[in-house]
Amino acid sequence: MDSNLDLAALRVFLQVAELAHFSRAADELGLPKGRVSQVVRDLEAQLGTRLFQRTTRRVSLTSDGELLAERARGLLADATEIEALFQQDRQLTGRLRVDLPVRLAMGRVVPALPGFLAEHPGLQVEVSCTDRRVDLVEEGFDCVLRVGAVHDPMLVARPLGQVSLINVASPAYLAARGTPLVPQDLLAQAHELVHYSQTWTDRRSRFEWVDADGREHSLAAPARVSVNHTDAYEGAALAGMGIIQGPRVGLRAALAEGRLVRVLAGFEPAPMPVNLVMSQRRHTPRRVRVFMDWLATQLASYLDDDNPDPS
């Protein structure tokens, strides 16, 4: 038996390990699923050990598989660095799979995407636009753009900036309920919020703000309408269903056109960080690094301009 390990086989093995899925790994590699399965079986036969535990619903590494994955990442990273010394001008090829918040995608990223694709004609980009918190590894994303803190130790976050949050309501709603001047007016004037949550398990409706000393406060306030999408969140405010606390960057048009009015200025939540997130691995494909750099550039001015109005 040939004792030399094939780097191509190790790449296939690592793709299956990182995605925990044979079919997704095959799609990512542009290979038939049967070929990916055969490569892994051949590698297991060569090493004389089982690398994956397979069930009908999940693929996971065995202890020997975890050991091989750790060493293989180092080997492939070294090989890639050697190749990169001589391939800086090679055209990027392959597929990128990214997930973006709806508003940031439509406001800045998607309109600029034709320019990126024209510069890199060998790339294909799959853009998922959703407000839910996707599973980067399980769903096979190269990187995701997240608004909010990242706590998962298995993920690497690249900070891009932050978005400020403001309080708004429709003119018709304020005409009917009055304009609150301090948070306590929400209860005194019988105001309602529109409740936003990515999961229906979170039923708490609260108005949140940070005071001049940086201390966080919240006030329980009623909400008759709950949504899980940013477009529906703004739509509910436009329809006069209550006050919302949304990203200023996404509400600019409605504010400029007078369809929404800012309220309770000075009583806004803390700004939310914006991060590019990827799985924790030693080697990142060059096409992913290039795309992430481009994405950071596209969002720099968009986020830098997101400063609270002086009013």
C-alpha atoms as a PDB file:
ATOM      1  CA  MET A   1       0.000   0.000   0.000  1.00  0.00           C
ATOM      2  CA  ASP A   2       1.202   3.498  -0.829  1.00  0.00           C
ATOM      3  CA  SER A   3       2.072   5.168   2.499  1.00  0.00           C
ATOM      4  CA  ASN A   4       2.087   8.712   1.090  1.00  0.00           C
ATOM      5  CA  LEU A   5      -0.903  10.830   2.055  1.00  0.00           C
ATOM      6  CA  ASP A   6      -2.573  12.644  -0.832  1.00  0.00           C
ATOM      7  CA  LEU A   7      -3.104  16.348  -0.151  1.00  0.00           C
ATOM      8  CA  ALA A   8      -6.202  16.308  -2.361  1.00  0.00           C
ATOM      9  CA  ALA A   9      -7.682  13.529  -0.233  1.00  0.00           C
ATOM     10  CA  LEU A  10      -6.923  15.503   2.921  1.00  0.00           C
ATOM     11  CA  ARG A  11      -8.725  18.524   1.457  1.00  0.00           C
ATOM     12  CA  VAL A  12     -11.794  16.380   0.803  1.00  0.00           C
ATOM     13  CA  PHE A  13     -11.592  14.938   4.323  1.00  0.00           C
ATOM     14  CA  LEU A  14     -11.349  18.399   5.910  1.00  0.00           C
ATOM     15  CA  GLN A  15     -14.251  19.742   3.859  1.00  0.00           C
ATOM     16  CA  VAL A  16     -16.460  16.926   5.137  1.00  0.00           C
ATOM     17  CA  ALA A  17     -15.163  17.495   8.675  1.00  0.00           C
ATOM     18  CA  GLU A  18     -15.849  21.252   8.626  1.00  0.00           C
ATOM     19  CA  LEU A  19     -19.316  20.963   7.081  1.00  0.00           C
ATOM     20  CA  ALA A  20     -20.225  17.728   8.923  1.00  0.00           C
ATOM     21  CA  HIS A  21     -21.988  16.673   5.745  1.00  0.00           C
ATOM     22  CA  PHE A  22     -20.934  14.639   2.692  1.00  0.00           C
ATOM     23  CA  SER A  23     -23.396  16.195   0.239  1.00  0.00           C
ATOM     24  CA  ARG A  24     -22.555  19.775   1.208  1.00  0.00           C
ATOM     25  CA  ALA A  25     -18.853  18.983   1.016  1.00  0.00           C
ATOM     26  CA  ALA A  26     -19.364  17.521  -2.456  1.00  0.00           C
ATOM     27  CA  ASP A  27     -21.216  20.668  -3.572  1.00  0.00           C
ATOM     28  CA  GLU A  28     -18.488  22.884  -2.155  1.00  0.00           C
ATOM     29  CA  LEU A  29     -15.770  20.891  -3.881  1.00  0.00           C
ATOM     30  CA  GLY A  30     -17.649  20.494  -7.149  1.00  0.00           C
ATOM     31  CA  LEU A  31     -17.432  16.686  -6.937  1.00  0.00           C
ATOM     32  CA  PRO A  32     -20.049  13.920  -7.047  1.00  0.00           C
ATOM     33  CA  LYS A  33     -21.121  12.779  -3.588  1.00  0.00           C
ATOM     34  CA  GLY A  34     -20.076   9.242  -4.424  1.00  0.00           C
ATOM     35  CA  ARG A  35     -16.564  10.431  -5.221  1.00  0.00           C
ATOM     36  CA  VAL A  36     -16.277  12.254  -1.887  1.00  0.00           C
ATOM     37  CA  SER A  37     -17.469   9.175  -0.007  1.00  0.00           C
ATOM     38  CA  GLN A  38     -14.981   6.997  -1.873  1.00  0.00           C
ATOM     39  CA  VAL A  39     -12.070   9.335  -1.112  1.00  0.00           C
ATOM     40  CA  VAL A  40     -12.898   9.191   2.605  1.00  0.00           C
ATOM     41  CA  ARG A  41     -13.252   5.391   2.534  1.00  0.00           C
ATOM     42  CA  ASP A  42      -9.896   5.074   0.751  1.00  0.00           C
ATOM     43  CA  LEU A  43      -8.283   7.376   3.319  1.00  0.00           C
ATOM     44  CA  GLU A  44      -9.728   5.322   6.172  1.00  0.00           C
ATOM     45  CA  ALA A  45      -8.445   2.131   4.543  1.00  0.00           C
ATOM     46  CA  GLN A  46      -4.991   3.656   4.063  1.00  0.00           C
ATOM     47  CA  LEU A  47      -4.782   4.772   7.693  1.00  0.00           C
ATOM     48  CA  GLY A  48      -6.480   1.689   9.080  1.00  0.00           C
ATOM     49  CA  THR A  49      -8.948   3.622  11.210  1.00  0.00           C
ATOM     50  CA  ARG A  50     -12.457   5.079  11.103  1.00  0.00           C
ATOM     51  CA  LEU A  51     -12.447   8.851  10.679  1.00  0.00           C
ATOM     52  CA  PHE A  52     -16.185   9.622  10.874  1.00  0.00           C
ATOM     53  CA  GLN A  53     -19.191   8.448  12.830  1.00  0.00           C
ATOM     54  CA  ARG A  54     -22.053   8.362  10.337  1.00  0.00           C
ATOM     55  CA  THR A  55     -25.777   8.399  11.083  1.00  0.00           C
ATOM     56  CA  THR A  56     -28.744   9.163   8.844  1.00  0.00           C
ATOM     57  CA  ARG A  57     -28.834  12.718  10.219  1.00  0.00           C
ATOM     58  CA  ARG A  58     -25.304  13.685  11.166  1.00  0.00           C
ATOM     59  CA  VAL A  59     -21.625  13.126  10.426  1.00  0.00           C
ATOM     60  CA  SER A  60     -19.092  13.663  13.221  1.00  0.00           C
ATOM     61  CA  LEU A  61     -15.382  13.036  13.648  1.00  0.00           C
ATOM     62  CA  THR A  62     -14.083  10.110  15.666  1.00  0.00           C
ATOM     63  CA  SER A  63     -11.179  10.711  18.052  1.00  0.00           C
ATOM     64  CA  ASP A  64      -8.775   9.552  15.311  1.00  0.00           C
ATOM     65  CA  GLY A  65     -10.587  11.819  12.866  1.00  0.00           C
ATOM     66  CA  GLU A  66     -10.120  14.805  15.170  1.00  0.00           C
ATOM     67  CA  LEU A  67      -6.412  14.018  15.448  1.00  0.00           C
ATOM     68  CA  LEU A  68      -6.044  13.801  11.673  1.00  0.00           C
ATOM     69  CA  ALA A  69      -8.048  17.005  11.144  1.00  0.00           C
ATOM     70  CA  GLU A  70      -5.762  18.949  13.485  1.00  0.00           C
ATOM     71  CA  ARG A  71      -2.608  17.762  11.703  1.00  0.00           C
ATOM     72  CA  ALA A  72      -4.126  18.007   8.205  1.00  0.00           C
ATOM     73  CA  ARG A  73      -5.059  21.662   8.671  1.00  0.00           C
ATOM     74  CA  GLY A  74      -1.434  22.476   9.389  1.00  0.00           C
ATOM     75  CA  LEU A  75      -0.173  20.470   6.416  1.00  0.00           C
ATOM     76  CA  LEU A  76      -2.632  22.038   3.993  1.00  0.00           C
ATOM     77  CA  ALA A  77      -2.029  25.538   5.340  1.00  0.00           C
ATOM     78  CA  ASP A  78       1.699  25.120   4.771  1.00  0.00           C
ATOM     79  CA  ALA A  79       1.093  23.777   1.263  1.00  0.00           C
ATOM     80  CA  THR A  80      -1.257  26.647   0.468  1.00  0.00           C
ATOM     81  CA  GLU A  81       1.255  29.234   1.693  1.00  0.00           C
ATOM     82  CA  ILE A  82       3.906  27.714  -0.567  1.00  0.00           C
ATOM     83  CA  GLU A  83       1.544  27.778  -3.551  1.00  0.00           C
ATOM     84  CA  ALA A  84       0.533  31.364  -2.786  1.00  0.00           C
ATOM     85  CA  LEU A  85       4.137  32.526  -3.130  1.00  0.00           C
ATOM     86  CA  PHE A  86       3.892  31.802  -6.843  1.00  0.00           C
ATOM     87  CA  GLN A  87       0.205  32.355  -7.569  1.00  0.00           C
ATOM     88  CA  GLN A  88      -0.572  35.883  -6.407  1.00  0.00           C
ATOM     89  CA  ASP A  89      -1.721  36.856  -9.893  1.00  0.00           C
ATOM     90  CA  ARG A  90      -3.789  33.727 -10.564  1.00  0.00           C
ATOM     91  CA  GLN A  91      -7.470  34.398 -11.207  1.00  0.00           C
ATOM     92  CA  LEU A  92      -9.760  33.505  -8.332  1.00  0.00           C
ATOM     93  CA  THR A  93     -12.129  30.640  -9.034  1.00  0.00           C
ATOM     94  CA  GLY A  94     -14.760  28.694  -7.131  1.00  0.00           C
ATOM     95  CA  ARG A  95     -17.906  29.394  -5.178  1.00  0.00           C
ATOM     96  CA  LEU A  96     -18.551  31.683  -2.227  1.00  0.00           C
ATOM     97  CA  ARG A  97     -21.515  31.177   0.078  1.00  0.00           C
ATOM     98  CA  VAL A  98     -22.341  34.107   2.363  1.00  0.00           C
ATOM     99  CA  ASP A  99     -25.214  35.192   4.585  1.00  0.00           C
ATOM    100  CA  LEU A 100     -26.099  38.862   5.062  1.00  0.00           C
ATOM    101  CA  PRO A 101     -28.737  40.791   7.039  1.00  0.00           C
ATOM    102  CA  VAL A 102     -31.478  41.868   4.644  1.00  0.00           C
ATOM    103  CA  ARG A 103     -31.088  45.630   5.043  1.00  0.00           C
ATOM    104  CA  LEU A 104     -27.294  45.681   4.737  1.00  0.00           C
ATOM    105  CA  ALA A 105     -27.455  43.344   1.764  1.00  0.00           C
ATOM    106  CA  MET A 106     -30.010  45.416  -0.126  1.00  0.00           C
ATOM    107  CA  GLY A 107     -28.683  48.798   0.974  1.00  0.00           C
ATOM    108  CA  ARG A 108     -25.046  48.354   0.038  1.00  0.00           C
ATOM    109  CA  VAL A 109     -23.728  44.871  -0.781  1.00  0.00           C
ATOM    110  CA  VAL A 110     -25.968  43.568  -3.582  1.00  0.00           C
ATOM    111  CA  PRO A 111     -25.938  46.848  -5.580  1.00  0.00           C
ATOM    112  CA  ALA A 112     -22.107  46.768  -5.577  1.00  0.00           C
ATOM    113  CA  LEU A 113     -21.802  43.040  -6.319  1.00  0.00           C
ATOM    114  CA  PRO A 114     -21.665  43.390 -10.144  1.00  0.00           C
ATOM    115  CA  GLY A 115     -18.392  45.290  -9.803  1.00  0.00           C
ATOM    116  CA  PHE A 116     -16.859  42.543  -7.666  1.00  0.00           C
ATOM    117  CA  LEU A 117     -17.946  39.820 -10.099  1.00  0.00           C
ATOM    118  CA  ALA A 118     -16.599  41.787 -13.058  1.00  0.00           C
ATOM    119  CA  GLU A 119     -13.224  41.986 -11.306  1.00  0.00           C
ATOM    120  CA  HIS A 120     -13.287  38.249 -10.520  1.00  0.00           C
ATOM    121  CA  PRO A 121     -15.100  36.504 -13.415  1.00  0.00           C
ATOM    122  CA  GLY A 122     -14.072  33.054 -12.181  1.00  0.00           C
ATOM    123  CA  LEU A 123     -16.103  33.329  -8.968  1.00  0.00           C
ATOM    124  CA  GLN A 124     -19.702  32.390  -8.261  1.00  0.00           C
ATOM    125  CA  VAL A 125     -21.402  33.959  -5.228  1.00  0.00           C
ATOM    126  CA  GLU A 126     -24.387  32.549  -3.349  1.00  0.00           C
ATOM    127  CA  VAL A 127     -25.990  35.292  -1.250  1.00  0.00           C
ATOM    128  CA  SER A 128     -28.387  34.312   1.512  1.00  0.00           C
ATOM    129  CA  CYS A 129     -30.376  37.231   2.937  1.00  0.00           C
ATOM    130  CA  THR A 130     -31.996  36.520   6.278  1.00  0.00           C
ATOM    131  CA  ASP A 131     -32.407  38.048   9.703  1.00  0.00           C
ATOM    132  CA  ARG A 132     -32.149  34.728  11.554  1.00  0.00           C
ATOM    133  CA  ARG A 133     -28.926  33.566  13.206  1.00  0.00           C
ATOM    134  CA  VAL A 134     -27.688  30.925  10.743  1.00  0.00           C
ATOM    135  CA  ASP A 135     -25.392  28.036  11.717  1.00  0.00           C
ATOM    136  CA  LEU A 136     -22.281  28.955   9.757  1.00  0.00           C
ATOM    137  CA  VAL A 137     -20.669  25.503   9.826  1.00  0.00           C
ATOM    138  CA  GLU A 138     -23.783  23.331   9.636  1.00  0.00           C
ATOM    139  CA  GLU A 139     -25.208  25.299   6.690  1.00  0.00           C
ATOM    140  CA  GLY A 140     -21.904  25.545   4.843  1.00  0.00           C
ATOM    141  CA  PHE A 141     -21.328  29.321   4.753  1.00  0.00           C
ATOM    142  CA  ASP A 142     -17.850  30.687   4.052  1.00  0.00           C
ATOM    143  CA  CYS A 143     -18.622  33.815   6.053  1.00  0.00           C
ATOM    144  CA  VAL A 144     -21.609  35.659   7.460  1.00  0.00           C
ATOM    145  CA  LEU A 145     -22.239  39.291   8.306  1.00  0.00           C
ATOM    146  CA  ARG A 146     -23.729  39.617  11.779  1.00  0.00           C
ATOM    147  CA  VAL A 147     -25.205  42.570  13.594  1.00  0.00           C
ATOM    148  CA  GLY A 148     -24.799  41.989  17.309  1.00  0.00           C
ATOM    149  CA  ALA A 149     -22.254  40.413  19.625  1.00  0.00           C
ATOM    150  CA  VAL A 150     -20.543  37.134  18.694  1.00  0.00           C
ATOM    151  CA  HIS A 151     -20.039  34.790  21.649  1.00  0.00           C
ATOM    152  CA  ASP A 152     -19.323  31.425  19.986  1.00  0.00           C
ATOM    153  CA  PRO A 153     -15.667  30.470  20.694  1.00  0.00           C
ATOM    154  CA  MET A 154     -15.638  28.334  17.526  1.00  0.00           C
ATOM    155  CA  LEU A 155     -16.136  31.433  15.377  1.00  0.00           C
ATOM    156  CA  VAL A 156     -13.716  34.207  14.420  1.00  0.00           C
ATOM    157  CA  ALA A 157     -15.172  37.717  14.231  1.00  0.00           C
ATOM    158  CA  ARG A 158     -13.698  40.588  12.209  1.00  0.00           C
ATOM    159  CA  PRO A 159     -15.145  43.897  13.487  1.00  0.00           C
ATOM    160  CA  LEU A 160     -16.364  46.250  10.762  1.00  0.00           C
ATOM    161  CA  GLY A 161     -18.091  48.978  12.766  1.00  0.00           C
ATOM    162  CA  GLN A 162     -21.435  49.477  14.416  1.00  0.00           C
ATOM    163  CA  VAL A 163     -24.976  50.625  13.744  1.00  0.00           C
ATOM    164  CA  SER A 164     -26.802  53.069  15.964  1.00  0.00           C
ATOM    165  CA  LEU A 165     -30.403  52.394  16.997  1.00  0.00           C
ATOM    166  CA  ILE A 166     -33.109  55.022  17.157  1.00  0.00           C
ATOM    167  CA  ASN A 167     -36.763  55.182  18.214  1.00  0.00           C
ATOM    168  CA  VAL A 168     -39.361  55.963  15.549  1.00  0.00           C
ATOM    169  CA  ALA A 169     -43.105  55.901  14.986  1.00  0.00           C
ATOM    170  CA  SER A 170     -45.507  57.025  12.285  1.00  0.00           C
ATOM    171  CA  PRO A 171     -47.000  60.551  12.335  1.00  0.00           C
ATOM    172  CA  ALA A 172     -50.500  59.037  12.500  1.00  0.00           C
ATOM    173  CA  TYR A 173     -49.622  56.929  15.526  1.00  0.00           C
ATOM    174  CA  LEU A 174     -48.147  59.930  17.370  1.00  0.00           C
ATOM    175  CA  ALA A 175     -51.159  62.074  16.483  1.00  0.00           C
ATOM    176  CA  ALA A 176     -53.410  59.482  18.101  1.00  0.00           C
ATOM    177  CA  ARG A 177     -51.281  58.644  21.163  1.00  0.00           C
ATOM    178  CA  GLY A 178     -49.175  61.741  21.761  1.00  0.00           C
ATOM    179  CA  THR A 179     -45.393  62.138  21.535  1.00  0.00           C
ATOM    180  CA  PRO A 180     -43.474  60.645  24.478  1.00  0.00           C
ATOM    181  CA  LEU A 181     -40.680  62.799  25.891  1.00  0.00           C
ATOM    182  CA  VAL A 182     -39.231  60.353  28.457  1.00  0.00           C
ATOM    183  CA  PRO A 183     -39.517  56.548  28.672  1.00  0.00           C
ATOM    184  CA  GLN A 184     -42.037  56.773  31.520  1.00  0.00           C
ATOM    185  CA  ASP A 185     -44.444  58.460  29.080  1.00  0.00           C
ATOM    186  CA  LEU A 186     -44.764  55.123  27.286  1.00  0.00           C
ATOM    187  CA  LEU A 187     -46.858  53.884  30.184  1.00  0.00           C
ATOM    188  CA  ALA A 188     -48.437  57.194  31.164  1.00  0.00           C
ATOM    189  CA  GLN A 189     -49.701  57.796  27.604  1.00  0.00           C
ATOM    190  CA  ALA A 190     -50.603  54.116  26.967  1.00  0.00           C
ATOM    191  CA  HIS A 191     -48.137  53.656  24.111  1.00  0.00           C
ATOM    192  CA  GLU A 192     -47.445  50.350  22.389  1.00  0.00           C
ATOM    193  CA  LEU A 193     -44.242  48.903  20.986  1.00  0.00           C
ATOM    194  CA  VAL A 194     -43.792  46.622  18.012  1.00  0.00           C
ATOM    195  CA  HIS A 195     -41.925  43.584  19.351  1.00  0.00           C
ATOM    196  CA  TYR A 196     -39.022  42.234  17.283  1.00  0.00           C
ATOM    197  CA  SER A 197     -37.489  38.822  17.961  1.00  0.00           C
ATOM    198  CA  GLN A 198     -35.654  36.281  15.813  1.00  0.00           C
ATOM    199  CA  THR A 199     -37.221  33.476  17.861  1.00  0.00           C
ATOM    200  CA  TRP A 200     -40.833  33.178  18.945  1.00  0.00           C
ATOM    201  CA  THR A 201     -39.680  31.914  22.341  1.00  0.00           C
ATOM    202  CA  ASP A 202     -38.769  35.497  23.294  1.00  0.00           C
ATOM    203  CA  ARG A 203     -42.108  37.063  24.219  1.00  0.00           C
ATOM    204  CA  ARG A 204     -40.757  39.937  26.313  1.00  0.00           C
ATOM    205  CA  SER A 205     -41.531  43.388  24.972  1.00  0.00           C
ATOM    206  CA  ARG A 206     -39.213  46.013  26.440  1.00  0.00           C
ATOM    207  CA  PHE A 207     -38.072  49.534  25.641  1.00  0.00           C
ATOM    208  CA  GLU A 208     -34.291  49.776  26.117  1.00  0.00           C
ATOM    209  CA  TRP A 209     -31.944  52.747  26.413  1.00  0.00           C
ATOM    210  CA  VAL A 210     -28.495  53.790  27.619  1.00  0.00           C
ATOM    211  CA  ASP A 211     -28.132  56.909  29.766  1.00  0.00           C
ATOM    212  CA  ALA A 212     -25.401  59.569  29.536  1.00  0.00           C
ATOM    213  CA  ASP A 213     -23.212  57.565  31.943  1.00  0.00           C
ATOM    214  CA  GLY A 214     -23.419  54.457  29.788  1.00  0.00           C
ATOM    215  CA  ARG A 215     -25.776  52.589  32.097  1.00  0.00           C
ATOM    216  CA  GLU A 216     -28.344  50.337  30.426  1.00  0.00           C
ATOM    217  CA  HIS A 217     -32.031  50.574  31.303  1.00  0.00           C
ATOM    218  CA  SER A 218     -35.185  48.814  30.158  1.00  0.00           C
ATOM    219  CA  LEU A 219     -38.880  49.316  30.669  1.00  0.00           C
ATOM    220  CA  ALA A 220     -41.554  46.681  30.096  1.00  0.00           C
ATOM    221  CA  ALA A 221     -44.103  48.039  27.630  1.00  0.00           C
ATOM    222  CA  PRO A 222     -47.039  46.366  25.873  1.00  0.00           C
ATOM    223  CA  ALA A 223     -46.875  45.130  22.271  1.00  0.00           C
ATOM    224  CA  ARG A 224     -49.816  43.683  20.366  1.00  0.00           C
ATOM    225  CA  VAL A 225     -47.742  42.899  17.264  1.00  0.00           C
ATOM    226  CA  SER A 226     -44.589  40.749  17.151  1.00  0.00           C
ATOM    227  CA  VAL A 227     -42.403  40.242  14.047  1.00  0.00           C
ATOM    228  CA  ASN A 228     -39.195  38.398  13.166  1.00  0.00           C
ATOM    229  CA  HIS A 229     -38.095  40.323  10.067  1.00  0.00           C
ATOM    230  CA  THR A 230     -36.708  43.848   9.689  1.00  0.00           C
ATOM    231  CA  ASP A 231     -39.006  44.721   6.765  1.00  0.00           C
ATOM    232  CA  ALA A 232     -42.053  43.676   8.795  1.00  0.00           C
ATOM    233  CA  TYR A 233     -40.692  45.613  11.773  1.00  0.00           C
ATOM    234  CA  GLU A 234     -40.531  48.856   9.817  1.00  0.00           C
ATOM    235  CA  GLY A 235     -43.788  48.020   8.051  1.00  0.00           C
ATOM    236  CA  ALA A 236     -45.602  47.688  11.361  1.00  0.00           C
ATOM    237  CA  ALA A 237     -44.339  51.108  12.431  1.00  0.00           C
ATOM    238  CA  LEU A 238     -45.393  52.630   9.105  1.00  0.00           C
ATOM    239  CA  ALA A 239     -48.849  51.124   9.586  1.00  0.00           C
ATOM    240  CA  GLY A 240     -49.190  52.898  12.940  1.00  0.00           C
ATOM    241  CA  MET A 241     -48.954  49.808  15.127  1.00  0.00           C
ATOM    242  CA  GLY A 242     -46.463  51.233  17.595  1.00  0.00           C
ATOM    243  CA  ILE A 243     -42.954  52.495  18.327  1.00  0.00           C
ATOM    244  CA  ILE A 244     -39.918  50.575  17.100  1.00  0.00           C
ATOM    245  CA  GLN A 245     -36.206  50.700  17.978  1.00  0.00           C
ATOM    246  CA  GLY A 246     -34.409  50.078  14.699  1.00  0.00           C
ATOM    247  CA  PRO A 247     -31.060  50.658  12.953  1.00  0.00           C
ATOM    248  CA  ARG A 248     -30.851  54.251  11.804  1.00  0.00           C
ATOM    249  CA  VAL A 249     -29.021  53.150   8.661  1.00  0.00           C
ATOM    250  CA  GLY A 250     -32.096  51.227   7.526  1.00  0.00           C
ATOM    251  CA  LEU A 251     -34.631  53.911   8.468  1.00  0.00           C
ATOM    252  CA  ARG A 252     -33.056  56.865   6.655  1.00  0.00           C
ATOM    253  CA  ALA A 253     -35.438  56.849   3.694  1.00  0.00           C
ATOM    254  CA  ALA A 254     -38.612  56.694   5.789  1.00  0.00           C
ATOM    255  CA  LEU A 255     -37.323  59.479   8.038  1.00  0.00           C
ATOM    256  CA  ALA A 256     -36.295  61.701   5.121  1.00  0.00           C
ATOM    257  CA  GLU A 257     -39.706  61.246   3.491  1.00  0.00           C
ATOM    258  CA  GLY A 258     -41.558  61.968   6.734  1.00  0.00           C
ATOM    259  CA  ARG A 259     -43.221  58.551   6.821  1.00  0.00           C
ATOM    260  CA  LEU A 260     -41.600  57.936  10.209  1.00  0.00           C
ATOM    261  CA  VAL A 261     -40.683  60.398  12.956  1.00  0.00           C
ATOM    262  CA  ARG A 262     -37.892  60.075  15.486  1.00  0.00           C
ATOM    263  CA  VAL A 263     -39.003  60.086  19.133  1.00  0.00           C
ATOM    264  CA  LEU A 264     -37.307  59.861  22.523  1.00  0.00           C
ATOM    265  CA  ALA A 265     -33.997  61.126  21.170  1.00  0.00           C
ATOM    266  CA  GLY A 266     -31.371  60.619  23.849  1.00  0.00           C
ATOM    267  CA  PHE A 267     -33.072  57.443  25.072  1.00  0.00           C
ATOM    268  CA  GLU A 268     -31.726  54.948  22.528  1.00  0.00           C
ATOM    269  CA  PRO A 269     -30.203  51.484  23.004  1.00  0.00           C
ATOM    270  CA  ALA A 270     -26.459  50.952  22.777  1.00  0.00           C
ATOM    271  CA  PRO A 271     -25.097  50.720  19.216  1.00  0.00           C
ATOM    272  CA  MET A 272     -24.831  47.187  17.852  1.00  0.00           C
ATOM    273  CA  PRO A 273     -21.481  45.865  16.563  1.00  0.00           C
ATOM    274  CA  VAL A 274     -21.203  44.643  12.976  1.00  0.00           C
ATOM    275  CA  ASN A 275     -18.852  41.697  12.381  1.00  0.00           C
ATOM    276  CA  LEU A 276     -17.750  39.483   9.550  1.00  0.00           C
ATOM    277  CA  VAL A 277     -17.773  35.978  11.014  1.00  0.00           C
ATOM    278  CA  MET A 278     -16.150  32.770   9.832  1.00  0.00           C
ATOM    279  CA  SER A 279     -15.342  29.382  11.299  1.00  0.00           C
ATOM    280  CA  GLN A 280     -12.179  29.027  13.348  1.00  0.00           C
ATOM    281  CA  ARG A 281      -9.662  27.382  11.055  1.00  0.00           C
ATOM    282  CA  ARG A 282      -6.025  27.990  10.324  1.00  0.00           C
ATOM    283  CA  HIS A 283      -6.395  28.341   6.576  1.00  0.00           C
ATOM    284  CA  THR A 284      -8.939  30.555   4.854  1.00  0.00           C
ATOM    285  CA  PRO A 285      -9.246  30.181   1.065  1.00  0.00           C
ATOM    286  CA  ARG A 286      -7.879  33.168  -0.816  1.00  0.00           C
ATOM    287  CA  ARG A 287     -11.224  33.770  -2.541  1.00  0.00           C
ATOM    288  CA  VAL A 288     -12.872  34.108   0.892  1.00  0.00           C
ATOM    289  CA  ARG A 289     -10.188  36.525   2.141  1.00  0.00           C
ATOM    290  CA  VAL A 290     -10.538  38.666  -0.984  1.00  0.00           C
ATOM    291  CA  PHE A 291     -14.321  38.762  -0.684  1.00  0.00           C
ATOM    292  CA  MET A 292     -14.171  39.654   3.008  1.00  0.00           C
ATOM    293  CA  ASP A 293     -11.763  42.508   2.281  1.00  0.00           C
ATOM    294  CA  TRP A 294     -14.076  43.764  -0.462  1.00  0.00           C
ATOM    295  CA  LEU A 295     -17.103  43.498   1.812  1.00  0.00           C
ATOM    296  CA  ALA A 296     -15.337  45.422   4.579  1.00  0.00           C
ATOM    297  CA  THR A 297     -14.527  48.195   2.084  1.00  0.00           C
ATOM    298  CA  GLN A 298     -18.116  48.367   0.838  1.00  0.00           C
ATOM    299  CA  LEU A 299     -19.496  48.733   4.356  1.00  0.00           C
ATOM    300  CA  ALA A 300     -16.860  51.106   5.748  1.00  0.00           C
ATOM    301  CA  SER A 301     -18.430  54.381   4.632  1.00  0.00           C
ATOM    302  CA  TYR A 302     -21.950  52.989   5.026  1.00  0.00           C
ATOM    303  CA  LEU A 303     -21.342  52.239   8.696  1.00  0.00           C
ATOM    304  CA  ASP A 304     -19.062  55.223   9.406  1.00  0.00           C
ATOM    305  CA  ASP A 305     -21.880  57.508   8.286  1.00  0.00           C
ATOM    306  CA  ASP A 306     -24.243  55.844  10.731  1.00  0.00           C
ATOM    307  CA  ASN A 307     -23.949  58.438  13.489  1.00  0.00           C
ATOM    308  CA  PRO A 308     -26.881  59.705  15.547  1.00  0.00           C
ATOM    309  CA  ASP A 309     -28.494  62.925  14.418  1.00  0.00           C
ATOM    310  CA  PRO A 310     -27.632  65.869  16.660  1.00  0.00           C
ATOM    311  CA  SER A 311     -31.319  66.540  17.177  1.00  0.00           C
END
